[in-house]
Amino acid sequence: MPLPDPIVDAFRQQADACRDLGSPFNAMVCDLLSDRLEPGSAFGQRIANWPGQPVADALALRACGSLHGLIRSGRCPALMAAYPPTPGTPDAVWTAIRTAIAEQDGFLTRYLDSPPQTNEVARSSMILGGCLTIAETFRLPLEIYEIGSSAGLNLGFDHYHYDLGGRSWGSPTSKVRIVTKWEGPVPLDVPLTVVRREGCDRNPLDPGSSADRDRLLSYIWPDQSNRLARIDAALQVAASANQNVDRADAADWVEQRLARPCTPGRARVLMHTIVWQYLPADTQRRIEAAVYQAGEVASGDAPLAWLRVEPDGVPGSAGIRLSLWPSGKSLLLGRADYHGRWSRWNAMAQQSETSAQTR
Protein backbone atom coordinates (compact mmCIF):
# COMPACT_ATOMS: atom_id res chain seq x y z
CA MET A 1 0.00 0.00 0.00
CA PRO A 2 1.53 3.36 -1.02
CA LEU A 3 1.75 6.38 1.23
CA PRO A 4 -1.16 8.87 1.22
CA ASP A 5 -0.98 11.54 -1.47
CA PRO A 6 -0.30 14.48 0.94
CA ILE A 7 2.67 12.58 2.40
CA VAL A 8 4.01 11.70 -1.05
CA ASP A 9 3.65 15.32 -2.17
CA ALA A 10 5.54 16.55 0.91
CA PHE A 11 8.46 14.20 0.24
CA ARG A 12 8.58 15.11 -3.45
CA GLN A 13 8.50 18.80 -2.60
CA GLN A 14 11.42 18.30 -0.23
CA ALA A 15 13.27 16.32 -2.90
CA ASP A 16 12.99 19.28 -5.27
CA ALA A 17 14.25 21.62 -2.54
CA CYS A 18 17.23 19.36 -1.85
CA ARG A 19 18.17 19.33 -5.52
CA ASP A 20 17.91 23.12 -5.69
CA LEU A 21 20.10 23.43 -2.58
CA GLY A 22 22.83 21.15 -3.89
CA SER A 23 22.03 17.78 -2.31
CA PRO A 24 21.19 15.24 -5.02
CA PHE A 25 21.68 12.35 -2.59
CA ASN A 26 19.16 13.63 -0.05
CA ALA A 27 16.79 14.33 -2.94
CA MET A 28 17.15 10.70 -3.98
CA VAL A 29 16.38 9.50 -0.45
CA CYS A 30 13.22 11.65 -0.37
CA ASP A 31 12.16 10.27 -3.74
CA LEU A 32 12.81 6.69 -2.63
CA LEU A 33 10.76 7.12 0.53
CA SER A 34 7.89 8.76 -1.35
CA ASP A 35 7.81 6.04 -4.01
CA ARG A 36 8.66 2.85 -2.11
CA LEU A 37 7.98 3.21 1.62
CA GLU A 38 4.95 1.24 2.80
CA PRO A 39 3.21 1.29 6.21
CA GLY A 40 4.34 -2.22 7.06
CA SER A 41 6.74 -1.09 9.79
CA ALA A 42 6.36 1.23 12.76
CA PHE A 43 8.48 3.76 10.86
CA GLY A 44 6.28 3.48 7.77
CA GLN A 45 3.07 3.61 9.79
CA ARG A 46 4.18 6.71 11.67
CA ILE A 47 4.94 8.51 8.42
CA ALA A 48 1.79 7.30 6.64
CA ASN A 49 -0.43 8.35 9.56
CA TRP A 50 1.37 11.57 10.43
CA PRO A 51 -1.06 13.56 12.61
CA GLY A 52 0.13 17.04 11.67
CA GLN A 53 0.93 18.90 8.47
CA PRO A 54 3.69 16.98 6.64
CA VAL A 55 5.18 20.06 4.95
CA ALA A 56 4.95 22.43 7.90
CA ASP A 57 6.28 19.72 10.23
CA ALA A 58 9.21 19.00 7.87
CA LEU A 59 8.29 15.31 7.90
CA ALA A 60 10.60 14.44 5.01
CA LEU A 61 13.56 16.04 6.78
CA ARG A 62 12.68 14.20 9.98
CA ALA A 63 12.76 10.93 8.04
CA CYS A 64 16.04 11.74 6.31
CA GLY A 65 17.51 12.87 9.62
CA SER A 66 16.52 9.59 11.25
CA LEU A 67 18.43 7.62 8.61
CA HIS A 68 21.49 9.87 8.84
CA GLY A 69 21.28 9.70 12.64
CA LEU A 70 21.29 5.92 12.45
CA ILE A 71 24.44 6.08 10.34
CA ARG A 72 26.14 8.38 12.82
CA SER A 73 25.24 5.96 15.62
CA GLY A 74 27.14 3.17 13.84
CA ARG A 75 24.28 0.72 14.38
CA CYS A 76 23.63 -0.23 10.75
CA PRO A 77 26.72 -1.03 8.65
CA ALA A 78 24.58 -1.83 5.60
CA LEU A 79 23.15 1.68 5.55
CA MET A 80 26.57 3.23 6.19
CA ALA A 81 27.96 1.42 3.15
CA ALA A 82 25.25 2.84 0.86
CA TYR A 83 25.60 6.47 1.99
CA PRO A 84 28.22 9.13 1.14
CA PRO A 85 31.10 9.39 0.71
CA THR A 86 30.53 6.35 -1.56
CA PRO A 87 26.79 6.40 -2.26
CA GLY A 88 25.17 3.52 -4.09
CA THR A 89 22.59 3.38 -6.86
CA PRO A 90 18.94 4.12 -6.00
CA ASP A 91 18.20 0.39 -5.82
CA ALA A 92 21.21 -0.22 -3.58
CA VAL A 93 20.30 2.68 -1.31
CA TRP A 94 16.71 1.46 -1.03
CA THR A 95 17.87 -2.05 -0.16
CA ALA A 96 20.01 -0.55 2.61
CA ILE A 97 17.09 1.57 3.86
CA ARG A 98 14.86 -1.53 4.01
CA THR A 99 17.56 -3.30 6.01
CA ALA A 100 17.81 -0.33 8.36
CA ILE A 101 14.05 -0.31 8.92
CA ALA A 102 14.04 -4.05 9.60
CA GLU A 103 16.94 -3.86 12.05
CA GLN A 104 16.34 -0.48 13.73
CA ASP A 105 12.62 0.24 13.34
CA GLY A 106 12.28 1.61 16.87
CA PHE A 107 15.30 3.92 16.58
CA LEU A 108 14.06 5.39 13.31
CA THR A 109 10.49 5.81 14.55
CA ARG A 110 11.55 7.59 17.75
CA TYR A 111 13.76 9.93 15.74
CA LEU A 112 10.67 11.28 13.98
CA ASP A 113 9.44 12.82 17.24
CA SER A 114 11.77 15.83 17.08
CA PRO A 115 11.73 18.52 14.38
CA PRO A 116 14.95 19.10 12.43
CA GLN A 117 17.48 21.52 13.85
CA THR A 118 19.83 22.41 11.04
CA ASN A 119 21.34 25.53 12.65
CA GLU A 120 22.98 26.38 9.31
CA VAL A 121 26.07 28.38 10.27
CA ALA A 122 26.41 30.04 6.85
CA ARG A 123 23.27 32.02 7.72
CA SER A 124 25.54 33.89 10.10
CA SER A 125 26.67 35.93 7.10
CA MET A 126 23.16 37.42 6.95
CA ILE A 127 23.22 38.04 10.70
CA LEU A 128 26.59 39.73 10.36
CA GLY A 129 25.32 42.03 7.62
CA GLY A 130 22.25 42.93 9.64
CA CYS A 131 24.16 43.55 12.86
CA LEU A 132 26.76 45.68 11.08
CA THR A 133 23.87 47.73 9.68
CA ILE A 134 22.42 48.08 13.19
CA ALA A 135 25.82 49.06 14.58
CA GLU A 136 26.25 51.64 11.83
CA THR A 137 22.78 53.06 12.54
CA PHE A 138 23.01 53.33 16.32
CA ARG A 139 26.80 53.42 16.99
CA LEU A 140 26.23 51.41 20.17
CA PRO A 141 27.26 47.95 21.46
CA LEU A 142 24.65 45.24 20.90
CA GLU A 143 22.68 42.90 23.12
CA ILE A 144 21.70 39.89 20.98
CA TYR A 145 18.58 37.81 21.67
CA GLU A 146 17.78 34.89 19.35
CA ILE A 147 14.78 32.58 19.14
CA GLY A 148 15.14 29.13 17.60
CA SER A 149 18.80 29.02 18.64
CA SER A 150 19.18 25.22 18.72
CA ALA A 151 22.83 24.77 19.82
CA GLY A 152 23.52 28.51 19.75
CA LEU A 153 25.87 28.40 16.77
CA ASN A 154 24.60 31.59 15.15
CA LEU A 155 24.79 33.44 18.47
CA GLY A 156 28.55 33.36 17.98
CA PHE A 157 28.43 34.89 14.51
CA ASP A 158 31.12 37.46 15.35
CA HIS A 159 33.61 34.69 16.20
CA TYR A 160 33.78 33.43 12.62
CA HIS A 161 35.78 34.43 9.56
CA TYR A 162 33.88 35.53 6.46
CA ASP A 163 34.66 35.81 2.78
CA LEU A 164 31.86 37.97 1.40
CA GLY A 165 32.38 38.13 -2.33
CA GLY A 166 36.13 38.62 -1.91
CA ARG A 167 35.85 40.95 1.09
CA SER A 168 36.92 39.60 4.47
CA TRP A 169 35.62 40.11 8.00
CA GLY A 170 36.58 38.46 11.28
CA SER A 171 39.58 36.67 12.70
CA PRO A 172 41.67 34.90 10.05
CA THR A 173 42.50 32.21 12.63
CA SER A 174 38.87 31.26 13.32
CA LYS A 175 38.06 27.56 12.95
CA VAL A 176 34.81 28.52 11.23
CA ARG A 177 35.19 29.95 7.74
CA ILE A 178 32.11 31.08 5.85
CA VAL A 179 32.23 31.85 2.15
CA THR A 180 29.20 33.63 0.69
CA LYS A 181 28.72 34.92 -2.82
CA TRP A 182 27.90 38.47 -1.78
CA GLU A 183 26.47 41.17 -4.00
CA GLY A 184 25.96 44.72 -2.79
CA PRO A 185 27.28 46.96 -0.03
CA VAL A 186 27.76 46.11 3.62
CA PRO A 187 29.52 48.33 6.21
CA LEU A 188 32.38 45.96 7.01
CA ASP A 189 34.51 48.69 8.62
CA VAL A 190 31.93 49.65 11.25
CA PRO A 191 33.00 48.73 14.82
CA LEU A 192 30.86 45.84 16.10
CA THR A 193 30.74 44.91 19.78
CA VAL A 194 28.40 42.30 21.27
CA VAL A 195 28.10 42.75 25.04
CA ARG A 196 25.35 40.21 25.68
CA ARG A 197 24.05 37.19 23.80
CA GLU A 198 21.19 34.90 24.78
CA GLY A 199 19.04 32.42 22.91
CA CYS A 200 16.10 30.11 23.41
CA ASP A 201 14.75 26.95 21.84
CA ARG A 202 12.01 24.48 22.73
CA ASN A 203 14.64 21.75 22.51
CA PRO A 204 18.09 23.31 22.90
CA LEU A 205 21.11 21.20 22.07
CA ASP A 206 24.34 21.23 24.07
CA PRO A 207 27.33 21.69 21.73
CA GLY A 208 29.51 20.01 24.35
CA SER A 209 27.42 16.82 24.34
CA SER A 210 28.45 14.15 21.85
CA ALA A 211 24.85 12.91 21.61
CA ASP A 212 23.52 16.40 20.89
CA ARG A 213 26.32 17.05 18.40
CA ASP A 214 25.42 13.88 16.50
CA ARG A 215 21.74 14.85 16.61
CA LEU A 216 22.45 18.23 15.07
CA LEU A 217 24.81 16.85 12.44
CA SER A 218 22.26 14.19 11.45
CA TYR A 219 20.08 16.91 9.96
CA ILE A 220 22.88 18.12 7.69
CA TRP A 221 22.53 16.45 4.32
CA PRO A 222 25.08 13.63 4.10
CA ASP A 223 26.51 14.54 0.68
CA GLN A 224 27.33 18.12 1.77
CA SER A 225 30.72 17.56 3.38
CA ASN A 226 31.56 21.28 3.52
CA ARG A 227 28.44 22.02 5.58
CA LEU A 228 29.18 19.11 7.90
CA ALA A 229 32.75 20.29 8.47
CA ARG A 230 31.69 23.90 9.01
CA ILE A 231 29.02 23.06 11.56
CA ASP A 232 31.32 20.62 13.34
CA ALA A 233 33.85 23.46 13.72
CA ALA A 234 31.13 25.83 14.93
CA LEU A 235 30.07 23.28 17.54
CA GLN A 236 33.62 23.27 18.89
CA VAL A 237 33.61 27.07 19.09
CA ALA A 238 30.20 27.14 20.79
CA ALA A 239 31.23 24.49 23.32
CA SER A 240 34.23 26.55 24.41
CA ALA A 241 32.25 29.82 24.46
CA ASN A 242 29.65 28.48 26.94
CA GLN A 243 26.82 30.45 25.32
CA ASN A 244 23.43 30.50 27.04
CA VAL A 245 20.46 28.89 25.25
CA ASP A 246 17.36 28.54 27.41
CA ARG A 247 14.75 25.81 27.06
CA ALA A 248 11.66 27.96 26.61
CA ASP A 249 8.63 28.82 24.53
CA ALA A 250 9.61 31.58 22.10
CA ALA A 251 6.74 33.91 22.99
CA ASP A 252 7.21 33.53 26.75
CA TRP A 253 10.93 34.13 26.39
CA VAL A 254 10.64 37.20 24.15
CA GLU A 255 8.01 38.74 26.42
CA GLN A 256 10.25 38.25 29.44
CA ARG A 257 13.43 39.51 27.79
CA LEU A 258 11.88 42.60 26.23
CA ALA A 259 10.09 43.47 29.48
CA ARG A 260 13.45 43.94 31.19
CA PRO A 261 14.51 47.53 31.82
CA CYS A 262 16.61 48.86 28.94
CA THR A 263 20.29 49.44 29.59
CA PRO A 264 21.27 52.94 28.40
CA GLY A 265 24.07 52.93 25.87
CA ARG A 266 23.14 49.55 24.37
CA ALA A 267 21.02 48.50 21.39
CA ARG A 268 18.84 45.43 21.87
CA VAL A 269 18.53 43.08 18.88
CA LEU A 270 15.91 40.34 18.53
CA MET A 271 16.86 38.01 15.68
CA HIS A 272 15.83 34.75 14.05
CA THR A 273 16.62 32.85 10.85
CA ILE A 274 14.23 30.38 9.17
CA VAL A 275 12.19 29.97 12.34
CA TRP A 276 9.00 32.00 11.92
CA GLN A 277 7.19 29.46 9.71
CA TYR A 278 7.46 26.80 12.43
CA LEU A 279 5.83 28.94 15.13
CA PRO A 280 2.09 28.71 15.86
CA ALA A 281 0.05 31.75 14.84
CA ASP A 282 -0.60 32.73 18.47
CA THR A 283 3.13 32.57 19.24
CA GLN A 284 3.85 34.84 16.26
CA ARG A 285 1.18 37.28 17.41
CA ARG A 286 2.53 37.44 20.96
CA ILE A 287 6.10 38.00 19.76
CA GLU A 288 5.00 40.80 17.44
CA ALA A 289 3.03 42.43 20.25
CA ALA A 290 6.00 42.21 22.63
CA VAL A 291 8.33 43.73 20.03
CA TYR A 292 6.01 46.63 19.23
CA GLN A 293 5.43 47.30 22.93
CA ALA A 294 9.19 47.39 23.52
CA GLY A 295 9.56 49.63 20.48
CA GLU A 296 7.22 52.18 22.03
CA VAL A 297 9.62 52.75 24.93
CA ALA A 298 12.83 52.55 22.89
CA SER A 299 14.98 55.67 22.74
CA GLY A 300 18.04 56.95 20.94
CA ASP A 301 20.17 55.85 23.89
CA ALA A 302 18.42 52.47 24.24
CA PRO A 303 17.15 51.52 20.77
CA LEU A 304 15.59 48.26 19.57
CA ALA A 305 16.12 46.28 16.37
CA TRP A 306 14.26 43.27 15.00
CA LEU A 307 16.35 41.33 12.47
CA ARG A 308 14.81 38.37 10.70
CA VAL A 309 15.76 36.17 7.77
CA GLU A 310 12.63 34.31 6.75
CA PRO A 311 10.74 33.00 3.70
CA ASP A 312 8.31 35.59 2.39
CA GLY A 313 6.72 34.03 -0.65
CA VAL A 314 9.55 34.70 -3.10
CA PRO A 315 10.68 31.32 -4.47
CA GLY A 316 14.24 30.20 -3.78
CA SER A 317 15.28 32.82 -1.24
CA ALA A 318 14.55 34.43 2.11
CA GLY A 319 13.97 38.11 2.78
CA ILE A 320 16.36 39.90 5.15
CA ARG A 321 14.26 42.41 7.07
CA LEU A 322 15.15 44.89 9.76
CA SER A 323 12.81 47.00 11.89
CA LEU A 324 14.23 49.82 13.99
CA TRP A 325 12.96 51.78 16.96
CA PRO A 326 12.45 54.50 18.07
CA SER A 327 12.12 55.52 14.39
CA GLY A 328 9.64 52.72 13.61
CA LYS A 329 11.23 52.15 10.21
CA SER A 330 11.20 48.76 8.53
CA LEU A 331 13.73 47.91 5.81
CA LEU A 332 14.16 45.12 3.30
CA LEU A 333 17.93 44.78 3.47
CA GLY A 334 18.19 42.15 0.77
CA ARG A 335 17.66 38.51 -0.10
CA ALA A 336 19.65 35.37 0.57
CA ASP A 337 19.86 31.68 -0.19
CA TYR A 338 18.39 29.55 2.60
CA HIS A 339 21.78 27.97 3.32
CA GLY A 340 23.79 31.18 3.00
CA ARG A 341 25.46 30.32 -0.30
CA TRP A 342 24.66 33.76 -1.71
CA SER A 343 23.27 37.08 -0.56
CA ARG A 344 22.11 40.13 -2.50
CA TRP A 345 22.33 43.21 -0.32
CA ASN A 346 20.72 46.59 -1.00
CA ALA A 347 22.18 50.01 -0.20
CA MET A 348 20.45 51.64 2.75
CA ALA A 349 19.68 54.66 0.59
CA GLN A 350 17.76 52.45 -1.79
CA GLN A 351 15.47 50.94 0.81
CA SER A 352 11.76 51.56 0.70
CA GLU A 353 10.84 52.43 4.26
CA THR A 354 7.53 51.75 5.97
CA SER A 355 6.31 52.20 9.50
CA ALA A 356 7.10 49.08 11.50
CA GLN A 357 3.99 49.76 13.55
CA THR A 358 1.78 48.90 10.55
CA ARG A 359 3.44 45.61 9.63
Foldseek 3Di string as FASTA:
>chain_A
DAADPQLLVLLQVVLVVCVVVPFNPLSLVSNCCRPPQDCPALLSVCSSPPPDRCNLQVQSLLLQLLLLLCVVVVPQVQQVVQFPPNHDDSVSNSVSVVVCCVVPVPSSNVSSPDGAQQQQQLCLVLVVQVQQVVCVVQVFEAAEEEESCAQVLSLVSQQEWEQACNDIAHDPPQQAYHYAPEADDGCRVRDYHHPHYEYEYLDHAHLVDPSSLSSNLSSPRRNCVVRSSNVNSSSVVSNVVVHYYYNDQQLVVLLVVLPDDFDFRYEYEYEYEAPVSNDDPVSVVSNLVSQVVSQVPADSRYKYKYWYWYCDPDPQWTWTKMAIPPVQWIWGQWIAGSSNRYTYGYDPVPTDIDGNVVD
